[in-house]
Amino acid sequence: MKFSRKLAALSASAACLTLALSACGADAPKAAAPTGETGKEPVTLTLATFNEFGYESLLKEYESLNPNVKIQHKKAATTNEARDNLTTRLAAGSGLSDVEAIEVDWLSELKQYPDQFVDLKDPAVEGRWLDWKTEAATTQDGRLIGYGTDSGPEAVCYNSALLKAAGLPTDRESVAKMLGTTWDSYFDAGKKFVAAKTGAAWFDSAGAIYQGMSNQLEKAYENEDGTVIAAENPAVKDVYTKVLNASTKDNLSAHLGQWSNDWVAGFQSQKFATTLCPGWMLGVIEGNATGVKGWDVANVFPGGGGNWGGSYLTVPAQGKHQAEAKKLAAWLTAPEQQIKAFTAKGNFPSQVKALDSEALLGQTNKFFNNAPTGKIFAERAKAVGATPFKGPKFFAINDAMQQALTRVDVDKKDDAESSWAKFLTAVKSL
């Protein structure tokens, strides 16, 4: 799952975490042997997630299966809030929930401090996830710090009513053909839409389009040895330029900051015809576009395939109920539960058995014109190539990039070149 950024606040939070944990050195707290109840005595567990994980009904089910357990669910509105809370309390050494959800873009940073998390390796869950999902949460010394929840194979969601108004195809197959398999073909379709002058834009946000394009780069910002390459990587500048050309020169963008209040309102006022959508975005769109008819999903993604987001459940070492917390995290990330989460909010599973399940492949989504979302996103998952390398500075660099795009696309205070120069300055300061 993926949400907005607040660069200054998050950079300060990350700095606080780094300083506090590095200061501990050899005295950093080790993950204690699991404590807490094992299924008999009453225990209250806290679970911290963000936005929509599809867990509301699942938590009630878990409490029913485990009468001794009560769960307090803390749900942050955005990943910003969740990450800021986690880094602050991790550095403070107290205050975290028994189970903390983390987003994939924070993972490489947190893996630098494995002793702050319980090692979740267990024969009972071996082989549960896609290999790349498990490898991403495994530290150099072999500790598993997170159980994978969802993954983010991407499709394109579209407003068929707006396409119809523009005289363009509206059924899924024809829309997929019109969008094509390249970013150029996607932008070309947008030019046809904008030429029809419906009053709506082709896509919602330059930042969102950049996210989709950059996630197809094997290495965008860093090498494995920690070398930052963002400033001189021609692929990054190329994607940046193409996105802003589409936004400003071709005027395909609604010029909305993704996750902003204006962006949320844009679904109701039908400000844009398409948006890139990993499976977890379905619940976001449905929630924002309640009462709006015409949304659908095309089984296609420019550039071939892409994965955006995906989260993990961790058990912080500072927790007092580690055994029960690990048990809850394992249950929530089992294939059966992740299929239920997909049904509830569209969070596509990362578990091997879930991907072959008829219960998943047979899923349809009423809001999206009864689209066969299980089948669509399973096929989108197969189209995903190698996952991009994301080093410890990925989050901060990507924040700087999103700020650069926003200055041009949303705030309109800079042109592309002046904003790029500010991005380079931000990268050099890291």
Protein backbone atom coordinates (compact mmCIF):
# COMPACT_ATOMS: atom_id res chain seq x y z
CA MET A 1 0.00 0.00 0.00
CA LYS A 2 1.19 3.47 -0.77
CA PHE A 3 0.24 6.98 0.31
CA SER A 4 1.37 10.61 0.51
CA ARG A 5 4.61 12.07 1.76
CA LYS A 6 5.55 15.02 3.98
CA LEU A 7 9.24 15.41 3.29
CA ALA A 8 10.34 17.73 6.05
CA ALA A 9 8.53 15.95 8.86
CA LEU A 10 9.56 12.52 7.67
CA SER A 11 13.18 13.49 7.12
CA ALA A 12 13.31 14.80 10.67
CA SER A 13 11.71 11.60 11.90
CA ALA A 14 14.18 9.45 9.98
CA ALA A 15 17.09 11.49 11.33
CA CYS A 16 15.80 11.04 14.86
CA LEU A 17 15.56 7.29 14.35
CA THR A 18 19.06 7.03 12.88
CA LEU A 19 20.69 9.09 15.61
CA ALA A 20 18.88 7.35 18.44
CA LEU A 21 19.57 3.84 17.24
CA SER A 22 23.14 4.44 16.14
CA ALA A 23 23.84 6.03 19.51
CA CYS A 24 22.84 2.79 21.19
CA GLY A 25 25.60 0.94 19.30
CA ALA A 26 26.34 -2.36 20.95
CA ASP A 27 23.87 -1.54 23.69
CA ALA A 28 20.89 -1.50 21.33
CA PRO A 29 18.05 -3.51 22.87
CA LYS A 30 17.98 -7.09 21.70
CA ALA A 31 14.75 -8.83 20.82
CA ALA A 32 13.80 -10.62 24.00
CA ALA A 33 12.52 -14.16 24.05
CA PRO A 34 8.80 -14.09 23.19
CA THR A 35 6.72 -13.08 26.17
CA GLY A 36 3.03 -12.69 26.84
CA GLU A 37 0.23 -15.17 26.79
CA THR A 38 0.14 -18.30 24.67
CA GLY A 39 -3.60 -18.74 24.30
CA LYS A 40 -5.07 -19.19 27.80
CA GLU A 41 -4.86 -16.03 29.90
CA PRO A 42 -6.61 -12.81 28.81
CA VAL A 43 -4.45 -10.49 26.74
CA THR A 44 -5.07 -7.24 24.89
CA LEU A 45 -3.07 -6.77 21.69
CA THR A 46 -2.59 -3.53 19.81
CA LEU A 47 -2.35 -3.53 16.03
CA ALA A 48 -1.26 -0.46 14.05
CA THR A 49 -2.07 -0.25 10.32
CA PHE A 50 -2.70 2.58 7.84
CA ASN A 51 -5.44 3.37 5.40
CA GLU A 52 -7.20 0.12 4.38
CA PHE A 53 -5.85 -3.36 5.07
CA GLY A 54 -9.28 -5.04 4.99
CA TYR A 55 -8.87 -6.33 8.55
CA GLU A 56 -12.03 -5.11 10.29
CA SER A 57 -14.02 -8.34 9.95
CA LEU A 58 -10.90 -10.47 10.30
CA LEU A 59 -10.08 -9.03 13.72
CA LYS A 60 -13.55 -9.86 14.96
CA GLU A 61 -13.12 -13.38 13.60
CA TYR A 62 -9.77 -13.74 15.38
CA GLU A 63 -11.28 -12.64 18.67
CA SER A 64 -14.06 -15.18 18.18
CA LEU A 65 -11.51 -17.94 17.56
CA ASN A 66 -9.39 -16.77 20.50
CA PRO A 67 -11.77 -15.66 23.30
CA ASN A 68 -8.86 -14.72 25.54
CA VAL A 69 -7.63 -12.09 23.06
CA LYS A 70 -8.91 -8.56 22.61
CA ILE A 71 -7.49 -6.44 19.80
CA GLN A 72 -7.22 -2.67 19.74
CA HIS A 73 -6.86 -1.55 16.13
CA LYS A 74 -5.09 1.76 15.53
CA LYS A 75 -5.53 2.84 11.91
CA ALA A 76 -3.60 5.83 10.57
CA ALA A 77 -5.16 7.72 7.69
CA THR A 78 -1.96 7.70 5.62
CA THR A 79 1.41 6.02 5.47
CA ASN A 80 2.94 9.37 6.47
CA GLU A 81 1.28 9.27 9.85
CA ALA A 82 2.09 5.61 10.37
CA ARG A 83 5.76 5.95 9.47
CA ASP A 84 6.23 9.09 11.54
CA ASN A 85 4.68 7.36 14.55
CA LEU A 86 6.79 4.23 14.07
CA THR A 87 10.13 5.98 13.66
CA THR A 88 9.50 8.32 16.60
CA ARG A 89 8.47 5.57 19.01
CA LEU A 90 11.11 3.16 17.75
CA ALA A 91 13.77 5.74 18.53
CA ALA A 92 12.18 6.45 21.93
CA GLY A 93 12.26 2.74 22.81
CA SER A 94 8.61 2.51 23.84
CA GLY A 95 5.06 3.17 22.71
CA LEU A 96 4.78 0.95 19.65
CA SER A 97 1.88 -1.42 19.09
CA ASP A 98 2.34 -5.16 19.56
CA VAL A 99 1.99 -5.56 15.78
CA GLU A 100 3.08 -2.74 13.49
CA ALA A 101 2.33 -2.60 9.77
CA ILE A 102 5.09 -1.17 7.58
CA GLU A 103 5.11 -0.24 3.91
CA VAL A 104 7.66 -1.72 1.52
CA ASP A 105 9.39 1.62 0.87
CA TRP A 106 10.39 1.89 4.54
CA LEU A 107 11.66 -1.68 4.71
CA SER A 108 15.25 -1.18 3.61
CA GLU A 109 15.70 1.57 6.18
CA LEU A 110 14.27 -0.51 9.03
CA LYS A 111 16.34 -3.57 8.09
CA GLN A 112 19.36 -1.64 9.31
CA TYR A 113 18.06 -2.18 12.87
CA PRO A 114 17.06 -5.87 13.00
CA ASP A 115 17.41 -6.08 16.78
CA GLN A 116 14.47 -3.72 17.08
CA PHE A 117 12.15 -6.40 15.68
CA VAL A 118 11.32 -9.97 16.62
CA ASP A 119 12.72 -12.59 14.23
CA LEU A 120 9.55 -14.06 12.70
CA LYS A 121 11.18 -17.07 11.03
CA ASP A 122 9.10 -20.16 11.69
CA PRO A 123 8.87 -23.54 9.92
CA ALA A 124 5.09 -23.14 9.98
CA VAL A 125 5.22 -20.24 7.51
CA GLU A 126 8.17 -21.31 5.37
CA GLY A 127 7.29 -21.07 1.68
CA ARG A 128 4.10 -19.12 2.35
CA TRP A 129 5.04 -16.05 0.27
CA LEU A 130 6.38 -15.29 -3.16
CA ASP A 131 10.17 -15.46 -2.95
CA TRP A 132 10.75 -11.77 -3.63
CA LYS A 133 8.29 -10.84 -0.90
CA THR A 134 10.16 -12.84 1.75
CA GLU A 135 13.62 -11.85 0.53
CA ALA A 136 12.76 -8.17 0.85
CA ALA A 137 12.06 -8.60 4.58
CA THR A 138 15.08 -10.81 5.32
CA THR A 139 18.15 -9.16 6.86
CA GLN A 140 21.76 -9.93 5.97
CA ASP A 141 22.08 -12.18 9.02
CA GLY A 142 18.97 -14.16 8.01
CA ARG A 143 16.36 -12.64 10.32
CA LEU A 144 12.81 -12.28 8.97
CA ILE A 145 11.45 -9.00 10.33
CA GLY A 146 8.09 -8.94 8.55
CA TYR A 147 5.25 -11.20 7.40
CA GLY A 148 4.05 -10.12 3.95
CA THR A 149 0.47 -8.92 3.59
CA ASP A 150 -0.43 -7.68 0.11
CA SER A 151 1.42 -6.98 -3.10
CA GLY A 152 0.59 -4.29 -5.63
CA PRO A 153 0.29 -5.57 -9.21
CA GLU A 154 -1.01 -2.67 -11.29
CA ALA A 155 -3.79 -2.23 -13.82
CA VAL A 156 -5.53 0.92 -15.07
CA CYS A 157 -8.83 2.00 -13.55
CA TYR A 158 -11.03 4.22 -15.70
CA ASN A 159 -14.29 6.15 -15.63
CA SER A 160 -16.32 4.68 -18.48
CA ALA A 161 -18.87 7.51 -18.36
CA LEU A 162 -16.13 10.02 -19.15
CA LEU A 163 -14.72 7.86 -21.93
CA LYS A 164 -18.19 7.57 -23.42
CA ALA A 165 -18.62 11.34 -23.30
CA ALA A 166 -15.38 11.63 -25.27
CA GLY A 167 -16.57 9.17 -27.89
CA LEU A 168 -14.01 6.55 -26.87
CA PRO A 169 -14.44 2.81 -26.16
CA THR A 170 -15.77 1.85 -22.75
CA ASP A 171 -15.70 -1.97 -22.49
CA ARG A 172 -12.67 -3.48 -20.75
CA GLU A 173 -11.17 -5.27 -23.72
CA SER A 174 -11.47 -2.28 -26.06
CA VAL A 175 -10.13 0.11 -23.44
CA ALA A 176 -7.13 -2.15 -22.81
CA LYS A 177 -6.42 -2.21 -26.55
CA MET A 178 -6.77 1.59 -26.78
CA LEU A 179 -4.42 2.16 -23.83
CA GLY A 180 -1.84 -0.13 -25.36
CA THR A 181 1.21 -1.61 -23.72
CA THR A 182 3.58 1.39 -23.68
CA TRP A 183 3.61 4.73 -21.91
CA ASP A 184 3.57 6.46 -25.28
CA SER A 185 0.37 4.64 -26.25
CA TYR A 186 -1.19 5.51 -22.90
CA PHE A 187 -0.34 9.21 -23.36
CA ASP A 188 -1.54 9.11 -26.99
CA ALA A 189 -4.92 7.81 -25.82
CA GLY A 190 -4.97 10.69 -23.36
CA LYS A 191 -4.42 13.22 -26.14
CA LYS A 192 -7.49 11.87 -27.94
CA PHE A 193 -9.50 12.11 -24.74
CA VAL A 194 -8.44 15.69 -23.99
CA ALA A 195 -9.13 16.72 -27.60
CA ALA A 196 -12.79 15.77 -27.06
CA LYS A 197 -13.04 18.57 -24.47
CA THR A 198 -15.16 16.82 -21.85
CA GLY A 199 -13.83 19.15 -19.19
CA ALA A 200 -12.01 16.30 -17.44
CA ALA A 201 -8.31 15.44 -17.47
CA TRP A 202 -6.80 12.16 -18.64
CA PHE A 203 -4.99 11.24 -15.42
CA ASP A 204 -5.12 12.47 -11.85
CA SER A 205 -1.55 13.29 -10.85
CA ALA A 206 1.91 13.52 -12.36
CA GLY A 207 3.27 12.06 -9.12
CA ALA A 208 1.13 8.96 -9.54
CA ILE A 209 2.23 8.43 -13.13
CA TYR A 210 5.88 8.86 -12.14
CA GLN A 211 5.39 6.24 -9.43
CA GLY A 212 4.12 3.74 -12.00
CA MET A 213 6.90 4.46 -14.47
CA SER A 214 9.78 4.57 -11.99
CA ASN A 215 8.72 1.27 -10.40
CA GLN A 216 9.67 -0.35 -13.70
CA LEU A 217 13.30 0.75 -13.31
CA GLU A 218 15.57 -1.94 -11.89
CA LYS A 219 17.70 0.66 -10.11
CA ALA A 220 16.48 4.22 -9.84
CA TYR A 221 18.16 5.90 -6.90
CA GLU A 222 20.83 3.65 -5.35
CA ASN A 223 23.22 0.79 -6.03
CA GLU A 224 23.47 -2.22 -3.74
CA ASP A 225 26.65 -0.82 -2.21
CA GLY A 226 24.77 2.27 -1.01
CA THR A 227 26.00 4.61 -3.73
CA VAL A 228 23.34 7.20 -4.57
CA ILE A 229 22.87 7.38 -8.35
CA ALA A 230 19.61 9.36 -8.53
CA ALA A 231 21.21 12.60 -9.69
CA GLU A 232 23.12 11.14 -12.64
CA ASN A 233 20.82 8.26 -13.60
CA PRO A 234 19.54 9.17 -17.10
CA ALA A 235 16.55 6.86 -16.69
CA VAL A 236 15.28 8.89 -13.73
CA LYS A 237 15.59 12.19 -15.61
CA ASP A 238 13.91 10.61 -18.66
CA VAL A 239 10.89 9.46 -16.67
CA TYR A 240 10.68 12.83 -14.90
CA THR A 241 10.73 14.67 -18.23
CA LYS A 242 8.16 12.43 -19.92
CA VAL A 243 5.73 12.73 -17.02
CA LEU A 244 5.93 16.52 -16.87
CA ASN A 245 5.69 16.85 -20.65
CA ALA A 246 2.45 14.87 -20.49
CA SER A 247 1.28 16.98 -17.56
CA THR A 248 2.15 20.48 -18.75
CA LYS A 249 2.78 20.49 -22.51
CA ASP A 250 0.01 18.03 -23.37
CA ASN A 251 -2.15 19.06 -20.37
CA LEU A 252 -3.19 15.49 -19.62
CA SER A 253 -3.06 15.94 -15.84
CA ALA A 254 -5.78 17.08 -13.46
CA HIS A 255 -2.91 18.69 -11.52
CA LEU A 256 -3.96 17.14 -8.24
CA GLY A 257 -1.63 16.10 -5.45
CA GLN A 258 -2.36 12.42 -4.90
CA TRP A 259 -3.97 11.80 -1.48
CA SER A 260 -4.75 15.51 -1.06
CA ASN A 261 -8.27 16.70 -0.23
CA ASP A 262 -8.61 18.01 -3.77
CA TRP A 263 -7.62 14.62 -5.16
CA VAL A 264 -10.18 12.86 -2.97
CA ALA A 265 -12.88 15.33 -4.06
CA GLY A 266 -11.84 14.81 -7.68
CA PHE A 267 -13.48 11.39 -7.74
CA GLN A 268 -16.85 12.87 -6.88
CA SER A 269 -16.52 15.76 -9.33
CA GLN A 270 -15.11 13.43 -12.00
CA LYS A 271 -11.98 15.48 -12.65
CA PHE A 272 -10.06 12.70 -14.44
CA ALA A 273 -10.76 9.67 -16.60
CA THR A 274 -8.00 7.25 -15.58
CA THR A 275 -5.78 6.44 -12.63
CA LEU A 276 -3.12 3.79 -12.17
CA CYS A 277 -4.45 1.20 -9.77
CA PRO A 278 -2.73 -1.58 -7.90
CA GLY A 279 -5.24 -3.91 -6.26
CA TRP A 280 -5.27 -2.00 -2.98
CA MET A 281 -6.37 1.15 -4.83
CA LEU A 282 -9.78 -0.39 -5.57
CA GLY A 283 -10.96 0.20 -2.01
CA VAL A 284 -9.60 3.75 -2.06
CA ILE A 285 -11.42 4.57 -5.31
CA GLU A 286 -14.67 3.02 -4.16
CA GLY A 287 -14.53 4.94 -0.90
CA ASN A 288 -13.81 8.25 -2.61
CA ALA A 289 -16.22 7.74 -5.53
CA THR A 290 -19.22 6.48 -3.55
CA GLY A 291 -22.34 7.05 -5.62
CA VAL A 292 -20.40 7.70 -8.83
CA LYS A 293 -21.21 5.21 -11.55
CA GLY A 294 -18.95 4.08 -14.36
CA TRP A 295 -15.65 3.01 -12.79
CA ASP A 296 -14.08 -0.11 -14.29
CA VAL A 297 -10.70 -1.89 -14.53
CA ALA A 298 -8.71 -2.59 -17.69
CA ASN A 299 -6.43 -5.62 -17.72
CA VAL A 300 -3.40 -3.73 -18.98
CA PHE A 301 -0.55 -1.62 -17.68
CA PRO A 302 1.76 0.66 -19.69
CA GLY A 303 5.27 -0.66 -19.96
CA GLY A 304 4.10 -4.25 -19.53
CA GLY A 305 3.70 -4.69 -15.78
CA GLY A 306 4.44 -3.09 -12.47
CA ASN A 307 4.12 -3.48 -8.74
CA TRP A 308 3.28 -0.51 -6.52
CA GLY A 309 3.36 -1.00 -2.80
CA GLY A 310 2.72 -3.95 -0.58
CA SER A 311 3.06 -4.11 3.17
CA TYR A 312 4.30 -6.25 6.05
CA LEU A 313 3.34 -6.96 9.64
CA THR A 314 6.18 -6.69 12.15
CA VAL A 315 6.46 -7.44 15.85
CA PRO A 316 8.57 -4.76 17.60
CA ALA A 317 11.06 -6.08 20.16
CA GLN A 318 9.81 -3.56 22.72
CA GLY A 319 6.40 -5.27 22.86
CA LYS A 320 5.21 -7.10 25.97
CA HIS A 321 3.17 -9.79 24.21
CA GLN A 322 5.49 -11.01 21.48
CA ALA A 323 4.25 -14.61 21.33
CA GLU A 324 0.62 -13.60 20.91
CA ALA A 325 1.59 -10.78 18.54
CA LYS A 326 3.50 -13.20 16.31
CA LYS A 327 0.53 -15.57 16.36
CA LEU A 328 -1.84 -12.78 15.27
CA ALA A 329 0.52 -11.60 12.52
CA ALA A 330 0.90 -15.13 11.20
CA TRP A 331 -2.87 -15.68 11.14
CA LEU A 332 -3.64 -12.38 9.40
CA THR A 333 -1.08 -13.13 6.68
CA ALA A 334 -2.23 -16.68 5.98
CA PRO A 335 -3.61 -17.23 2.45
CA GLU A 336 -7.19 -17.70 3.66
CA GLN A 337 -7.24 -14.40 5.51
CA GLN A 338 -5.51 -12.49 2.73
CA ILE A 339 -8.15 -13.64 0.24
CA LYS A 340 -10.79 -12.24 2.61
CA ALA A 341 -8.86 -8.96 2.81
CA PHE A 342 -8.81 -8.84 -1.00
CA THR A 343 -12.56 -9.39 -1.07
CA ALA A 344 -13.06 -6.58 1.44
CA LYS A 345 -10.68 -3.91 0.10
CA GLY A 346 -8.86 -5.22 -2.97
CA ASN A 347 -5.49 -5.81 -1.28
CA PHE A 348 -3.98 -8.41 -3.58
CA PRO A 349 -2.37 -11.36 -1.75
CA SER A 350 1.35 -12.12 -1.80
CA GLN A 351 0.90 -15.74 -0.64
CA VAL A 352 1.66 -18.54 -3.09
CA LYS A 353 -1.41 -20.66 -2.30
CA ALA A 354 -3.71 -17.64 -2.47
CA LEU A 355 -2.67 -16.89 -6.05
CA ASP A 356 -3.83 -20.33 -7.23
CA SER A 357 -7.07 -20.25 -5.27
CA GLU A 358 -10.38 -20.41 -7.11
CA ALA A 359 -11.74 -18.24 -4.32
CA LEU A 360 -9.37 -15.52 -5.49
CA LEU A 361 -9.61 -16.07 -9.24
CA GLY A 362 -13.41 -16.02 -9.09
CA GLN A 363 -13.61 -12.65 -7.33
CA THR A 364 -15.59 -9.88 -8.99
CA ASN A 365 -16.10 -6.29 -7.84
CA LYS A 366 -19.60 -4.88 -8.03
CA PHE A 367 -18.53 -1.24 -7.82
CA PHE A 368 -16.21 -1.67 -10.80
CA ASN A 369 -18.97 -2.92 -13.10
CA ASN A 370 -18.56 -6.48 -11.79
CA ALA A 371 -15.03 -6.61 -13.15
CA PRO A 372 -13.33 -10.01 -12.63
CA THR A 373 -10.76 -8.39 -10.37
CA GLY A 374 -9.35 -11.68 -9.06
CA LYS A 375 -8.46 -12.84 -12.55
CA ILE A 376 -7.31 -9.39 -13.72
CA PHE A 377 -4.87 -8.81 -10.89
CA ALA A 378 -3.61 -12.39 -10.97
CA GLU A 379 -2.67 -11.80 -14.61
CA ARG A 380 -1.20 -8.40 -13.74
CA ALA A 381 0.91 -10.08 -11.05
CA LYS A 382 2.34 -12.47 -13.64
CA ALA A 383 3.33 -9.48 -15.78
CA VAL A 384 5.49 -7.97 -13.04
CA GLY A 385 9.19 -8.21 -13.90
CA ALA A 386 12.09 -7.88 -11.51
CA THR A 387 11.22 -5.77 -8.48
CA PRO A 388 13.23 -2.53 -8.26
CA PHE A 389 16.10 -2.26 -5.82
CA LYS A 390 15.25 0.12 -2.98
CA GLY A 391 18.08 1.06 -0.66
CA PRO A 392 18.06 2.78 2.74
CA LYS A 393 17.71 6.25 1.19
CA PHE A 394 14.93 5.34 -1.24
CA PHE A 395 12.14 6.86 0.81
CA ALA A 396 13.87 10.22 1.28
CA ILE A 397 14.96 10.46 -2.37
CA ASN A 398 11.51 9.55 -3.63
CA ASP A 399 10.02 12.17 -1.31
CA ALA A 400 12.30 14.76 -2.89
CA MET A 401 11.20 13.61 -6.34
CA GLN A 402 7.52 13.84 -5.46
CA GLN A 403 8.13 17.35 -4.16
CA ALA A 404 9.82 18.22 -7.45
CA LEU A 405 6.87 16.94 -9.47
CA THR A 406 4.37 18.71 -7.23
CA ARG A 407 6.09 22.07 -7.66
CA VAL A 408 5.46 21.81 -11.40
CA ASP A 409 2.25 19.81 -11.74
CA VAL A 410 0.20 20.99 -8.75
CA ASP A 411 1.66 24.20 -7.33
CA LYS A 412 2.84 25.49 -10.73
CA LYS A 413 5.60 27.49 -9.02
CA ASP A 414 8.49 26.00 -11.03
CA ASP A 415 9.14 24.78 -14.51
CA ALA A 416 10.60 21.32 -15.01
CA GLU A 417 14.24 22.40 -15.13
CA SER A 418 14.21 24.67 -12.08
CA SER A 419 12.39 22.05 -10.05
CA TRP A 420 14.88 19.39 -11.17
CA ALA A 421 17.70 21.60 -9.92
CA LYS A 422 16.03 21.74 -6.50
CA PHE A 423 15.68 17.96 -6.56
CA LEU A 424 19.43 17.61 -7.17
CA THR A 425 20.13 19.90 -4.23
CA ALA A 426 17.86 17.82 -1.99
CA VAL A 427 19.59 14.60 -3.04
CA LYS A 428 23.05 16.02 -2.38
CA SER A 429 21.97 17.04 1.13
CA LEU A 430 21.06 13.49 2.16
